[in-house]
């Protein structure tokens, strides 16, 4: 594992929760000297900071970097009206995914108002070979909707549809996900039309 890889491990560890040095060592699996050296170096660059209790936490420079990244990739903001309307129509959690190498990354996420719901944080990296959104992005499915039931997590079902570019390439996947007990084992029958309509709306907004 290279230095950059180890630095990312440290960032991922403190992203989950502020950590003392001992907690950071446990969460990252890195040797004490390595974890401390990287955390201090990241702190010097504003990527890590110390909270009032002296624990390592994400640094505020990441906010600036995040804003710059969002400005350079405006898809999530462009899609937000359609995603909000989709959540209102279905009452379920809504996500927008893009392909990121051999995985998919969540670039927008709106939680269901229901107490029992699926939660996928923005930035989460998920597999391409499981889940309806993964199928859309991996297989290049551009027509209609794709559903999955308990493929990625037990008790969770989802239905997704493709956002496409002007030349027909799949750019992103819009997804509705929720507990099987509410979204049923046929989520496409329940919400497929709404998801496909939202994806079409986002595709049109890109034109």
N, C-alpha and C. Protein backbone atom coordinates (compact mmCIF):
# COMPACT_ATOMS: atom_id res chain seq x y z
N UNK A 1 0.85 -1.19 0.00
CA UNK A 1 0.00 0.00 0.00
C UNK A 1 0.89 1.24 0.00
N UNK A 2 0.68 2.14 -0.98
CA UNK A 2 1.47 3.34 -1.07
C UNK A 2 1.04 4.40 -0.08
N UNK A 3 1.83 5.47 -0.03
CA UNK A 3 1.56 6.55 0.92
C UNK A 3 0.19 7.17 0.67
N UNK A 4 -0.15 7.38 -0.60
CA UNK A 4 -1.46 7.98 -0.92
C UNK A 4 -2.58 7.06 -0.46
N UNK A 5 -2.42 5.76 -0.71
CA UNK A 5 -3.44 4.81 -0.26
C UNK A 5 -3.63 4.88 1.25
N UNK A 6 -2.53 4.95 1.97
CA UNK A 6 -2.60 5.00 3.43
C UNK A 6 -3.25 6.30 3.90
N UNK A 7 -2.96 7.40 3.19
CA UNK A 7 -3.57 8.68 3.55
C UNK A 7 -5.08 8.62 3.37
N UNK A 8 -5.52 7.96 2.31
CA UNK A 8 -6.96 7.82 2.07
C UNK A 8 -7.59 6.95 3.16
N UNK A 9 -6.89 5.92 3.60
CA UNK A 9 -7.39 5.09 4.70
C UNK A 9 -7.60 5.94 5.95
N UNK A 10 -6.67 6.84 6.22
CA UNK A 10 -6.80 7.73 7.37
C UNK A 10 -8.00 8.65 7.20
N UNK A 11 -8.16 9.23 6.02
CA UNK A 11 -9.30 10.12 5.76
C UNK A 11 -10.62 9.38 5.89
N UNK A 12 -10.68 8.16 5.37
CA UNK A 12 -11.91 7.37 5.48
C UNK A 12 -12.23 7.07 6.94
N UNK A 13 -11.20 6.82 7.73
CA UNK A 13 -11.41 6.49 9.14
C UNK A 13 -11.98 7.69 9.90
N UNK A 14 -11.43 8.88 9.66
CA UNK A 14 -11.93 10.05 10.39
C UNK A 14 -13.24 10.56 9.78
N UNK A 15 -13.51 10.20 8.52
CA UNK A 15 -14.80 10.57 7.93
C UNK A 15 -15.93 9.84 8.63
N UNK A 16 -15.67 8.61 9.04
CA UNK A 16 -16.70 7.83 9.73
C UNK A 16 -17.00 8.40 11.10
N UNK A 17 -15.96 8.92 11.77
CA UNK A 17 -16.13 9.47 13.12
C UNK A 17 -14.82 10.10 13.55
N UNK A 18 -14.86 11.23 14.29
CA UNK A 18 -13.62 11.76 14.84
C UNK A 18 -12.91 10.69 15.68
N UNK A 19 -11.59 10.64 15.58
CA UNK A 19 -10.83 9.57 16.23
C UNK A 19 -9.67 10.13 17.05
N UNK A 20 -9.47 9.54 18.21
CA UNK A 20 -8.22 9.75 18.91
C UNK A 20 -7.15 8.98 18.14
N UNK A 21 -5.88 9.18 18.49
CA UNK A 21 -4.82 8.46 17.79
C UNK A 21 -5.00 6.96 17.95
N UNK A 22 -5.32 6.53 19.15
CA UNK A 22 -5.52 5.09 19.40
C UNK A 22 -6.68 4.55 18.57
N UNK A 23 -7.76 5.32 18.49
CA UNK A 23 -8.91 4.89 17.70
C UNK A 23 -8.59 4.89 16.21
N UNK A 24 -7.76 5.86 15.79
CA UNK A 24 -7.37 5.93 14.39
C UNK A 24 -6.52 4.73 14.01
N UNK A 25 -5.64 4.33 14.90
CA UNK A 25 -4.80 3.15 14.65
C UNK A 25 -5.67 1.91 14.49
N UNK A 26 -6.63 1.76 15.38
CA UNK A 26 -7.52 0.60 15.32
C UNK A 26 -8.37 0.61 14.06
N UNK A 27 -8.94 1.77 13.72
CA UNK A 27 -9.83 1.86 12.56
C UNK A 27 -9.09 1.69 11.25
N UNK A 28 -7.87 2.20 11.17
CA UNK A 28 -7.11 2.17 9.91
C UNK A 28 -6.28 0.91 9.74
N UNK A 29 -5.92 0.28 10.86
CA UNK A 29 -5.05 -0.89 10.79
C UNK A 29 -3.60 -0.53 10.50
N UNK A 30 -3.27 0.75 10.58
CA UNK A 30 -1.90 1.19 10.30
C UNK A 30 -1.05 1.18 11.57
N UNK A 31 0.25 1.03 11.43
CA UNK A 31 1.13 1.14 12.60
C UNK A 31 1.01 2.51 13.24
N UNK A 32 1.28 2.58 14.53
CA UNK A 32 1.11 3.83 15.26
C UNK A 32 1.90 4.98 14.63
N UNK A 33 3.17 4.74 14.32
CA UNK A 33 4.00 5.81 13.77
C UNK A 33 3.47 6.28 12.42
N UNK A 34 3.01 5.35 11.60
CA UNK A 34 2.49 5.70 10.27
C UNK A 34 1.19 6.49 10.38
N UNK A 35 0.28 6.01 11.22
CA UNK A 35 -1.00 6.70 11.39
C UNK A 35 -0.79 8.12 11.91
N UNK A 36 0.10 8.26 12.88
CA UNK A 36 0.36 9.60 13.45
C UNK A 36 1.00 10.51 12.42
N UNK A 37 1.99 10.00 11.70
CA UNK A 37 2.69 10.82 10.71
C UNK A 37 1.74 11.30 9.62
N UNK A 38 0.91 10.41 9.13
CA UNK A 38 -0.02 10.79 8.07
C UNK A 38 -1.09 11.75 8.56
N UNK A 39 -1.61 11.51 9.76
CA UNK A 39 -2.64 12.39 10.30
C UNK A 39 -2.10 13.81 10.48
N UNK A 40 -0.87 13.91 10.99
CA UNK A 40 -0.26 15.23 11.20
C UNK A 40 0.01 15.91 9.86
N UNK A 41 0.47 15.14 8.87
CA UNK A 41 0.72 15.70 7.54
C UNK A 41 -0.58 16.19 6.90
N UNK A 42 -1.63 15.40 7.02
CA UNK A 42 -2.93 15.80 6.48
C UNK A 42 -3.46 17.03 7.22
N UNK A 43 -3.19 17.11 8.50
CA UNK A 43 -3.60 18.28 9.28
C UNK A 43 -2.90 19.54 8.76
N UNK A 44 -1.63 19.41 8.42
CA UNK A 44 -0.87 20.56 7.92
C UNK A 44 -1.44 21.10 6.62
N UNK A 45 -2.09 20.23 5.85
CA UNK A 45 -2.69 20.64 4.58
C UNK A 45 -4.17 20.98 4.70
N UNK A 46 -4.69 20.96 5.92
CA UNK A 46 -6.08 21.33 6.14
C UNK A 46 -7.07 20.23 5.80
N UNK A 47 -6.57 19.03 5.51
CA UNK A 47 -7.47 17.92 5.18
C UNK A 47 -7.94 17.19 6.43
N UNK A 48 -7.24 17.38 7.50
CA UNK A 48 -7.61 16.84 8.81
C UNK A 48 -7.45 17.97 9.81
N UNK A 49 -8.27 18.00 10.85
CA UNK A 49 -8.17 18.98 11.93
C UNK A 49 -8.35 18.29 13.27
N UNK A 50 -8.11 19.01 14.33
CA UNK A 50 -8.37 18.49 15.68
C UNK A 50 -9.65 19.11 16.21
N UNK A 51 -10.55 18.28 16.73
CA UNK A 51 -11.77 18.81 17.33
C UNK A 51 -11.47 19.28 18.75
N UNK A 52 -12.44 19.88 19.45
CA UNK A 52 -12.18 20.40 20.80
C UNK A 52 -11.64 19.37 21.78
N UNK A 53 -11.88 18.09 21.51
CA UNK A 53 -11.37 17.03 22.38
C UNK A 53 -10.03 16.49 21.93
N UNK A 54 -9.45 17.12 20.90
CA UNK A 54 -8.15 16.70 20.43
C UNK A 54 -8.18 15.52 19.47
N UNK A 55 -9.37 15.09 19.07
CA UNK A 55 -9.48 13.96 18.14
C UNK A 55 -9.30 14.45 16.71
N UNK A 56 -8.82 13.55 15.86
CA UNK A 56 -8.68 13.86 14.46
C UNK A 56 -10.05 13.80 13.78
N UNK A 57 -10.34 14.85 12.98
CA UNK A 57 -11.61 14.93 12.24
C UNK A 57 -11.31 15.48 10.85
N UNK A 58 -12.29 15.42 9.97
CA UNK A 58 -12.09 15.95 8.62
C UNK A 58 -11.81 17.44 8.66
N UNK A 59 -10.86 17.87 7.84
CA UNK A 59 -10.48 19.27 7.80
C UNK A 59 -11.37 20.12 6.92
N UNK A 60 -11.38 21.40 7.19
CA UNK A 60 -12.27 22.31 6.47
C UNK A 60 -11.83 22.56 5.04
N UNK A 61 -10.58 22.27 4.71
CA UNK A 61 -10.14 22.43 3.33
C UNK A 61 -10.90 21.49 2.40
N UNK A 62 -11.40 20.39 2.96
CA UNK A 62 -12.19 19.46 2.17
C UNK A 62 -13.50 20.09 1.71
N UNK A 63 -14.02 21.04 2.49
CA UNK A 63 -15.25 21.73 2.08
C UNK A 63 -14.99 22.51 0.79
N UNK A 64 -13.86 23.20 0.76
CA UNK A 64 -13.49 23.96 -0.43
C UNK A 64 -13.29 23.04 -1.63
N UNK A 65 -12.62 21.93 -1.39
CA UNK A 65 -12.39 20.98 -2.48
C UNK A 65 -13.71 20.37 -2.96
N UNK A 66 -14.60 20.09 -2.01
CA UNK A 66 -15.90 19.53 -2.37
C UNK A 66 -16.71 20.49 -3.22
N UNK A 67 -16.67 21.77 -2.85
CA UNK A 67 -17.41 22.77 -3.64
C UNK A 67 -16.85 22.88 -5.04
N UNK A 68 -15.52 22.83 -5.15
CA UNK A 68 -14.89 22.90 -6.46
C UNK A 68 -15.26 21.68 -7.30
N UNK A 69 -15.27 20.51 -6.66
CA UNK A 69 -15.64 19.28 -7.39
C UNK A 69 -17.09 19.34 -7.84
N UNK A 70 -17.96 19.85 -6.97
CA UNK A 70 -19.38 19.95 -7.32
C UNK A 70 -19.59 20.93 -8.47
N UNK A 71 -18.84 22.03 -8.45
CA UNK A 71 -18.97 23.02 -9.51
C UNK A 71 -18.51 22.45 -10.85
N UNK A 72 -17.50 21.57 -10.79
CA UNK A 72 -16.99 20.97 -12.02
C UNK A 72 -17.86 19.81 -12.50
N UNK A 73 -18.73 19.31 -11.62
CA UNK A 73 -19.61 18.20 -11.96
C UNK A 73 -21.01 18.55 -11.50
N UNK A 74 -21.72 19.38 -12.29
CA UNK A 74 -23.00 19.94 -11.84
C UNK A 74 -24.19 19.00 -11.96
N UNK A 75 -23.96 17.73 -12.31
CA UNK A 75 -25.08 16.83 -12.54
C UNK A 75 -25.99 16.71 -11.33
N UNK A 76 -25.41 16.58 -10.14
CA UNK A 76 -26.22 16.39 -8.94
C UNK A 76 -27.15 17.58 -8.71
N UNK A 77 -26.64 18.78 -8.89
CA UNK A 77 -27.47 19.97 -8.68
C UNK A 77 -28.53 20.08 -9.77
N UNK A 78 -28.16 19.74 -10.98
CA UNK A 78 -29.11 19.78 -12.09
C UNK A 78 -30.25 18.78 -11.87
N UNK A 79 -29.91 17.63 -11.28
CA UNK A 79 -30.89 16.57 -11.09
C UNK A 79 -31.78 16.77 -9.87
N UNK A 80 -31.41 17.66 -9.00
CA UNK A 80 -32.08 17.75 -7.70
C UNK A 80 -33.60 17.98 -7.80
N UNK A 81 -34.11 18.87 -8.64
CA UNK A 81 -35.57 19.04 -8.70
C UNK A 81 -36.30 17.74 -9.05
N UNK A 82 -35.76 16.99 -10.00
CA UNK A 82 -36.40 15.72 -10.38
C UNK A 82 -36.30 14.70 -9.26
N UNK A 83 -35.17 14.69 -8.56
CA UNK A 83 -35.00 13.75 -7.45
C UNK A 83 -35.94 14.08 -6.29
N UNK A 84 -36.11 15.36 -6.00
CA UNK A 84 -37.02 15.77 -4.93
C UNK A 84 -38.46 15.40 -5.28
N UNK A 85 -38.83 15.60 -6.54
CA UNK A 85 -40.19 15.23 -6.98
C UNK A 85 -40.38 13.73 -6.91
N UNK A 86 -39.33 12.97 -7.22
CA UNK A 86 -39.42 11.51 -7.16
C UNK A 86 -39.59 11.03 -5.72
N UNK A 87 -38.86 11.62 -4.80
CA UNK A 87 -39.02 11.25 -3.40
C UNK A 87 -40.44 11.58 -2.91
N UNK A 88 -40.94 12.73 -3.31
CA UNK A 88 -42.29 13.11 -2.90
C UNK A 88 -43.33 12.15 -3.47
N UNK A 89 -43.12 11.70 -4.69
CA UNK A 89 -44.09 10.83 -5.34
C UNK A 89 -44.07 9.41 -4.78
N UNK A 90 -42.89 8.94 -4.39
CA UNK A 90 -42.77 7.55 -3.94
C UNK A 90 -42.73 7.40 -2.42
N UNK A 91 -42.30 8.45 -1.72
CA UNK A 91 -42.14 8.36 -0.28
C UNK A 91 -40.94 7.54 0.14
N UNK A 92 -40.06 7.22 -0.83
CA UNK A 92 -38.89 6.39 -0.54
C UNK A 92 -37.60 7.17 -0.76
N UNK A 93 -36.50 6.57 -0.32
CA UNK A 93 -35.18 7.19 -0.51
C UNK A 93 -34.81 7.17 -1.99
N UNK A 94 -34.16 8.23 -2.42
CA UNK A 94 -33.79 8.41 -3.82
C UNK A 94 -32.29 8.67 -3.91
N UNK A 95 -31.65 8.04 -4.88
CA UNK A 95 -30.22 8.25 -5.08
C UNK A 95 -29.90 8.47 -6.56
N UNK A 96 -28.76 9.11 -6.79
CA UNK A 96 -28.22 9.27 -8.13
C UNK A 96 -26.80 8.74 -8.11
N UNK A 97 -26.51 7.79 -9.00
CA UNK A 97 -25.19 7.15 -9.04
C UNK A 97 -24.52 7.41 -10.38
N UNK A 98 -23.19 7.48 -10.35
CA UNK A 98 -22.40 7.50 -11.58
C UNK A 98 -21.35 6.41 -11.47
N UNK A 99 -20.88 5.96 -12.60
CA UNK A 99 -19.82 4.96 -12.60
C UNK A 99 -18.51 5.61 -12.19
N UNK A 100 -17.76 4.92 -11.36
CA UNK A 100 -16.45 5.39 -10.90
C UNK A 100 -15.50 4.21 -10.99
N UNK A 101 -14.86 4.05 -12.14
CA UNK A 101 -13.99 2.90 -12.35
C UNK A 101 -14.81 1.62 -12.38
N UNK A 102 -14.45 0.69 -11.51
CA UNK A 102 -15.15 -0.58 -11.43
C UNK A 102 -16.20 -0.58 -10.32
N UNK A 103 -16.62 0.61 -9.89
CA UNK A 103 -17.64 0.74 -8.86
C UNK A 103 -18.65 1.78 -9.28
N UNK A 104 -19.60 2.04 -8.42
CA UNK A 104 -20.51 3.16 -8.63
C UNK A 104 -20.47 4.04 -7.40
N UNK A 105 -20.61 5.34 -7.64
CA UNK A 105 -20.52 6.30 -6.55
C UNK A 105 -21.82 7.09 -6.46
N UNK A 106 -22.30 7.27 -5.24
CA UNK A 106 -23.51 8.06 -5.01
C UNK A 106 -23.15 9.54 -5.03
N UNK A 107 -23.76 10.31 -5.94
CA UNK A 107 -23.47 11.74 -6.04
C UNK A 107 -24.62 12.61 -5.53
N UNK A 108 -25.77 11.99 -5.27
CA UNK A 108 -26.90 12.71 -4.67
C UNK A 108 -27.75 11.68 -3.94
N UNK A 109 -28.26 12.08 -2.79
CA UNK A 109 -29.06 11.16 -1.99
C UNK A 109 -30.08 11.93 -1.17
N UNK A 110 -31.33 11.52 -1.27
CA UNK A 110 -32.42 12.13 -0.51
C UNK A 110 -33.09 11.02 0.29
N UNK A 111 -33.13 11.16 1.60
CA UNK A 111 -33.68 10.12 2.46
C UNK A 111 -35.20 10.15 2.50
N UNK A 112 -35.79 8.98 2.61
CA UNK A 112 -37.24 8.86 2.78
C UNK A 112 -37.65 9.51 4.10
N UNK A 113 -38.85 10.09 4.16
CA UNK A 113 -39.34 10.64 5.43
C UNK A 113 -39.78 9.55 6.41
N UNK A 114 -39.87 8.31 5.95
CA UNK A 114 -40.29 7.22 6.82
C UNK A 114 -39.18 6.86 7.81
N UNK A 115 -39.58 6.43 9.00
CA UNK A 115 -38.59 6.07 10.01
C UNK A 115 -37.75 4.88 9.55
N UNK A 116 -38.38 3.89 8.95
CA UNK A 116 -37.67 2.75 8.39
C UNK A 116 -37.35 3.07 6.93
N UNK A 117 -36.07 3.20 6.61
CA UNK A 117 -35.69 3.66 5.27
C UNK A 117 -34.28 3.18 4.95
N UNK A 118 -33.92 3.25 3.69
CA UNK A 118 -32.55 2.98 3.29
C UNK A 118 -31.79 4.31 3.25
N UNK A 119 -30.55 4.26 3.69
CA UNK A 119 -29.71 5.45 3.72
C UNK A 119 -28.41 5.16 2.99
N UNK A 120 -28.14 5.94 1.95
CA UNK A 120 -26.88 5.84 1.22
C UNK A 120 -26.25 7.23 1.24
N UNK A 121 -25.15 7.43 1.94
CA UNK A 121 -24.56 8.76 2.01
C UNK A 121 -23.94 9.18 0.68
N UNK A 122 -23.95 10.47 0.42
CA UNK A 122 -23.27 11.00 -0.76
C UNK A 122 -21.79 10.64 -0.66
N UNK A 123 -21.25 10.17 -1.75
CA UNK A 123 -19.85 9.75 -1.77
C UNK A 123 -19.66 8.27 -1.57
N UNK A 124 -20.71 7.57 -1.14
CA UNK A 124 -20.59 6.13 -0.91
C UNK A 124 -20.22 5.41 -2.20
N UNK A 125 -19.31 4.46 -2.08
CA UNK A 125 -18.88 3.66 -3.23
C UNK A 125 -19.48 2.26 -3.08
N UNK A 126 -20.23 1.82 -4.09
CA UNK A 126 -20.93 0.55 -4.05
C UNK A 126 -20.57 -0.29 -5.27
N UNK A 127 -20.83 -1.59 -5.22
CA UNK A 127 -20.46 -2.46 -6.34
C UNK A 127 -21.31 -2.24 -7.58
N UNK A 128 -20.75 -2.59 -8.72
CA UNK A 128 -21.48 -2.52 -9.97
C UNK A 128 -22.27 -3.79 -10.26
N UNK A 129 -21.86 -4.89 -9.63
CA UNK A 129 -22.46 -6.18 -9.98
C UNK A 129 -23.66 -6.55 -9.12
N UNK A 130 -24.07 -5.65 -8.23
CA UNK A 130 -25.24 -5.92 -7.39
C UNK A 130 -26.07 -4.65 -7.26
N UNK A 131 -27.39 -4.82 -7.26
CA UNK A 131 -28.29 -3.68 -7.16
C UNK A 131 -28.72 -3.17 -8.51
N UNK A 132 -29.91 -2.61 -8.55
CA UNK A 132 -30.47 -2.16 -9.83
C UNK A 132 -29.64 -1.05 -10.47
N UNK A 133 -29.14 -0.10 -9.67
CA UNK A 133 -28.33 0.99 -10.24
C UNK A 133 -27.04 0.46 -10.82
N UNK A 134 -26.44 -0.54 -10.16
CA UNK A 134 -25.24 -1.15 -10.69
C UNK A 134 -25.48 -1.79 -12.04
N UNK A 135 -26.62 -2.45 -12.18
CA UNK A 135 -26.96 -3.09 -13.45
C UNK A 135 -27.12 -2.04 -14.55
N UNK A 136 -27.77 -0.93 -14.23
CA UNK A 136 -27.95 0.12 -15.24
C UNK A 136 -26.60 0.63 -15.72
N UNK A 137 -25.70 0.91 -14.77
CA UNK A 137 -24.40 1.48 -15.13
C UNK A 137 -23.46 0.46 -15.75
N UNK A 138 -23.54 -0.78 -15.30
CA UNK A 138 -22.62 -1.80 -15.78
C UNK A 138 -23.06 -2.39 -17.12
N UNK A 139 -24.36 -2.57 -17.27
CA UNK A 139 -24.87 -3.21 -18.48
C UNK A 139 -25.26 -2.21 -19.57
N UNK A 140 -25.30 -0.92 -19.19
CA UNK A 140 -25.67 0.08 -20.18
C UNK A 140 -27.14 0.05 -20.54
N UNK A 141 -27.97 -0.38 -19.59
CA UNK A 141 -29.42 -0.44 -19.85
C UNK A 141 -29.99 0.97 -19.97
N UNK A 142 -30.57 1.28 -21.12
CA UNK A 142 -31.06 2.65 -21.35
C UNK A 142 -32.57 2.74 -21.51
N UNK A 143 -33.24 1.61 -21.58
CA UNK A 143 -34.68 1.64 -21.80
C UNK A 143 -35.42 1.16 -20.56
N UNK A 144 -36.48 1.89 -20.19
CA UNK A 144 -37.31 1.45 -19.08
C UNK A 144 -36.59 1.48 -17.75
N UNK A 145 -36.88 0.49 -16.91
CA UNK A 145 -36.31 0.45 -15.58
C UNK A 145 -35.76 -0.95 -15.29
N UNK A 146 -34.91 -1.02 -14.26
CA UNK A 146 -34.31 -2.27 -13.81
C UNK A 146 -34.56 -2.38 -12.32
N UNK A 147 -34.94 -3.55 -11.84
CA UNK A 147 -35.20 -3.72 -10.42
C UNK A 147 -34.27 -4.77 -9.81
N UNK A 148 -34.12 -4.72 -8.50
CA UNK A 148 -33.38 -5.74 -7.77
C UNK A 148 -34.02 -5.90 -6.39
N UNK A 149 -33.94 -7.10 -5.86
CA UNK A 149 -34.51 -7.41 -4.56
C UNK A 149 -33.46 -8.15 -3.72
N UNK A 150 -33.03 -7.53 -2.66
CA UNK A 150 -32.09 -8.13 -1.71
C UNK A 150 -30.80 -8.61 -2.36
N UNK A 151 -30.32 -7.89 -3.37
CA UNK A 151 -29.06 -8.26 -4.00
C UNK A 151 -27.87 -7.70 -3.23
N UNK A 152 -27.98 -6.44 -2.82
CA UNK A 152 -26.86 -5.81 -2.13
C UNK A 152 -26.99 -5.92 -0.62
N UNK A 153 -28.21 -5.79 -0.11
CA UNK A 153 -28.45 -5.88 1.33
C UNK A 153 -29.73 -6.65 1.58
N UNK A 154 -29.75 -7.52 2.57
CA UNK A 154 -30.99 -8.22 2.92
C UNK A 154 -32.08 -7.23 3.31
N UNK A 155 -33.29 -7.50 2.84
CA UNK A 155 -34.43 -6.67 3.21
C UNK A 155 -34.58 -5.39 2.42
N UNK A 156 -33.72 -5.17 1.41
CA UNK A 156 -33.77 -3.93 0.63
C UNK A 156 -34.04 -4.24 -0.84
N UNK A 157 -34.93 -3.48 -1.43
CA UNK A 157 -35.21 -3.60 -2.86
C UNK A 157 -35.05 -2.23 -3.51
N UNK A 158 -34.84 -2.23 -4.82
CA UNK A 158 -34.65 -0.95 -5.51
C UNK A 158 -35.07 -1.07 -6.96
N UNK A 159 -35.30 0.08 -7.56
CA UNK A 159 -35.58 0.15 -9.00
C UNK A 159 -34.86 1.37 -9.54
N UNK A 160 -34.22 1.22 -10.70
CA UNK A 160 -33.38 2.28 -11.25
C UNK A 160 -33.63 2.46 -12.74
N UNK A 161 -33.28 3.64 -13.23
CA UNK A 161 -33.38 3.94 -14.66
C UNK A 161 -32.20 4.83 -15.05
N UNK A 162 -31.88 4.83 -16.33
CA UNK A 162 -30.68 5.50 -16.82
C UNK A 162 -30.93 6.95 -17.21
N UNK A 163 -29.96 7.78 -16.86
CA UNK A 163 -29.82 9.14 -17.41
C UNK A 163 -28.81 9.01 -18.54
N UNK A 164 -29.15 9.46 -19.72
CA UNK A 164 -28.28 9.25 -20.88
C UNK A 164 -27.85 10.58 -21.49
N UNK A 165 -26.73 10.50 -22.20
CA UNK A 165 -26.20 11.66 -22.91
C UNK A 165 -26.89 11.77 -24.26
N UNK A 166 -26.55 12.83 -24.99
CA UNK A 166 -27.15 13.04 -26.30
C UNK A 166 -26.87 11.93 -27.28
N UNK A 167 -25.73 11.24 -27.12
CA UNK A 167 -25.41 10.14 -28.04
C UNK A 167 -25.87 8.80 -27.51
N UNK A 168 -26.66 8.81 -26.43
CA UNK A 168 -27.25 7.57 -25.93
C UNK A 168 -26.43 6.81 -24.91
N UNK A 169 -25.28 7.33 -24.50
CA UNK A 169 -24.46 6.65 -23.50
C UNK A 169 -25.05 6.86 -22.11
N UNK A 170 -24.93 5.86 -21.25
CA UNK A 170 -25.44 5.97 -19.88
C UNK A 170 -24.51 6.86 -19.07
N UNK A 171 -25.06 7.93 -18.53
CA UNK A 171 -24.29 8.88 -17.73
C UNK A 171 -24.46 8.62 -16.24
N UNK A 172 -25.67 8.25 -15.83
CA UNK A 172 -25.96 8.08 -14.41
C UNK A 172 -27.17 7.17 -14.27
N UNK A 173 -27.42 6.77 -13.04
CA UNK A 173 -28.59 5.95 -12.74
C UNK A 173 -29.38 6.58 -11.60
N UNK A 174 -30.66 6.80 -11.82
CA UNK A 174 -31.57 7.27 -10.79
C UNK A 174 -32.16 6.06 -10.11
N UNK A 175 -32.19 6.07 -8.78
CA UNK A 175 -32.65 4.88 -8.06
C UNK A 175 -33.59 5.26 -6.92
N UNK A 176 -34.60 4.43 -6.75
CA UNK A 176 -35.47 4.48 -5.57
C UNK A 176 -35.23 3.19 -4.80
N UNK A 177 -34.98 3.29 -3.52
CA UNK A 177 -34.74 2.09 -2.72
C UNK A 177 -35.49 2.18 -1.40
N UNK A 178 -35.82 1.00 -0.86
CA UNK A 178 -36.55 0.97 0.40
C UNK A 178 -36.66 -0.44 0.93
N UNK A 179 -37.21 -0.58 2.11
CA UNK A 179 -37.38 -1.91 2.69
C UNK A 179 -38.38 -2.74 1.89
N UNK A 180 -38.06 -4.02 1.71
CA UNK A 180 -38.91 -4.91 0.92
C UNK A 180 -40.34 -4.93 1.45
N UNK A 181 -40.50 -4.85 2.77
CA UNK A 181 -41.83 -4.90 3.36
C UNK A 181 -42.73 -3.78 2.88
N UNK A 182 -42.16 -2.68 2.45
CA UNK A 182 -42.97 -1.54 1.98
C UNK A 182 -42.89 -1.36 0.47
N UNK A 183 -41.70 -1.51 -0.07
CA UNK A 183 -41.51 -1.28 -1.51
C UNK A 183 -41.91 -2.52 -2.32
N UNK A 184 -42.12 -3.63 -1.63
CA UNK A 184 -42.54 -4.94 -2.14
C UNK A 184 -41.40 -5.64 -2.88
N UNK A 185 -41.63 -6.89 -3.24
CA UNK A 185 -40.64 -7.65 -3.99
C UNK A 185 -40.75 -7.41 -5.50
N UNK A 186 -41.63 -6.50 -5.87
CA UNK A 186 -41.74 -6.07 -7.27
C UNK A 186 -41.68 -4.55 -7.31
N UNK A 187 -40.53 -3.97 -6.94
CA UNK A 187 -40.43 -2.51 -6.85
C UNK A 187 -40.64 -1.82 -8.19
N UNK A 188 -40.34 -2.54 -9.29
CA UNK A 188 -40.56 -1.93 -10.60
C UNK A 188 -42.02 -1.68 -10.90
N UNK A 189 -42.87 -2.63 -10.52
CA UNK A 189 -44.30 -2.44 -10.72
C UNK A 189 -44.81 -1.25 -9.93
N UNK A 190 -44.22 -1.07 -8.75
CA UNK A 190 -44.70 -0.01 -7.85
C UNK A 190 -44.17 1.36 -8.23
N UNK A 191 -42.86 1.42 -8.55
CA UNK A 191 -42.25 2.74 -8.75
C UNK A 191 -41.47 2.89 -10.06
N UNK A 192 -41.45 1.85 -10.89
CA UNK A 192 -40.65 1.91 -12.10
C UNK A 192 -40.99 3.07 -13.02
N UNK A 193 -42.27 3.32 -13.22
CA UNK A 193 -42.68 4.40 -14.13
C UNK A 193 -42.21 5.75 -13.61
N UNK A 194 -42.31 5.97 -12.31
CA UNK A 194 -41.89 7.25 -11.72
C UNK A 194 -40.38 7.43 -11.83
N UNK A 195 -39.63 6.35 -11.60
CA UNK A 195 -38.17 6.42 -11.70
C UNK A 195 -37.74 6.70 -13.14
N UNK A 196 -38.36 6.01 -14.09
CA UNK A 196 -38.02 6.23 -15.49
C UNK A 196 -38.36 7.66 -15.92
N UNK A 197 -39.46 8.20 -15.42
CA UNK A 197 -39.84 9.57 -15.75
C UNK A 197 -38.84 10.57 -15.19
N UNK A 198 -38.38 10.32 -13.96
CA UNK A 198 -37.39 11.21 -13.35
C UNK A 198 -36.08 11.17 -14.14
N UNK A 199 -35.66 9.98 -14.55
CA UNK A 199 -34.44 9.85 -15.34
C UNK A 199 -34.58 10.58 -16.67
N UNK A 200 -35.74 10.47 -17.30
CA UNK A 200 -35.99 11.16 -18.56
C UNK A 200 -35.96 12.68 -18.38
N UNK A 201 -36.49 13.13 -17.25
CA UNK A 201 -36.50 14.58 -16.96
C UNK A 201 -35.07 15.10 -16.81
N UNK A 202 -34.23 14.33 -16.12
CA UNK A 202 -32.83 14.74 -15.95
C UNK A 202 -32.12 14.71 -17.29
N UNK A 203 -32.36 13.67 -18.08
CA UNK A 203 -31.77 13.59 -19.42
C UNK A 203 -32.14 14.80 -20.25
N UNK A 204 -33.40 15.21 -20.19
CA UNK A 204 -33.86 16.38 -20.96
C UNK A 204 -33.18 17.66 -20.47
N UNK A 205 -32.97 17.75 -19.14
CA UNK A 205 -32.32 18.94 -18.58
C UNK A 205 -30.88 19.07 -19.02
N UNK A 206 -30.26 17.96 -19.39
CA UNK A 206 -28.87 17.99 -19.84
C UNK A 206 -28.74 18.50 -21.27
N UNK A 207 -29.81 18.45 -22.00
CA UNK A 207 -29.74 18.80 -23.43
C UNK A 207 -29.46 20.28 -23.63
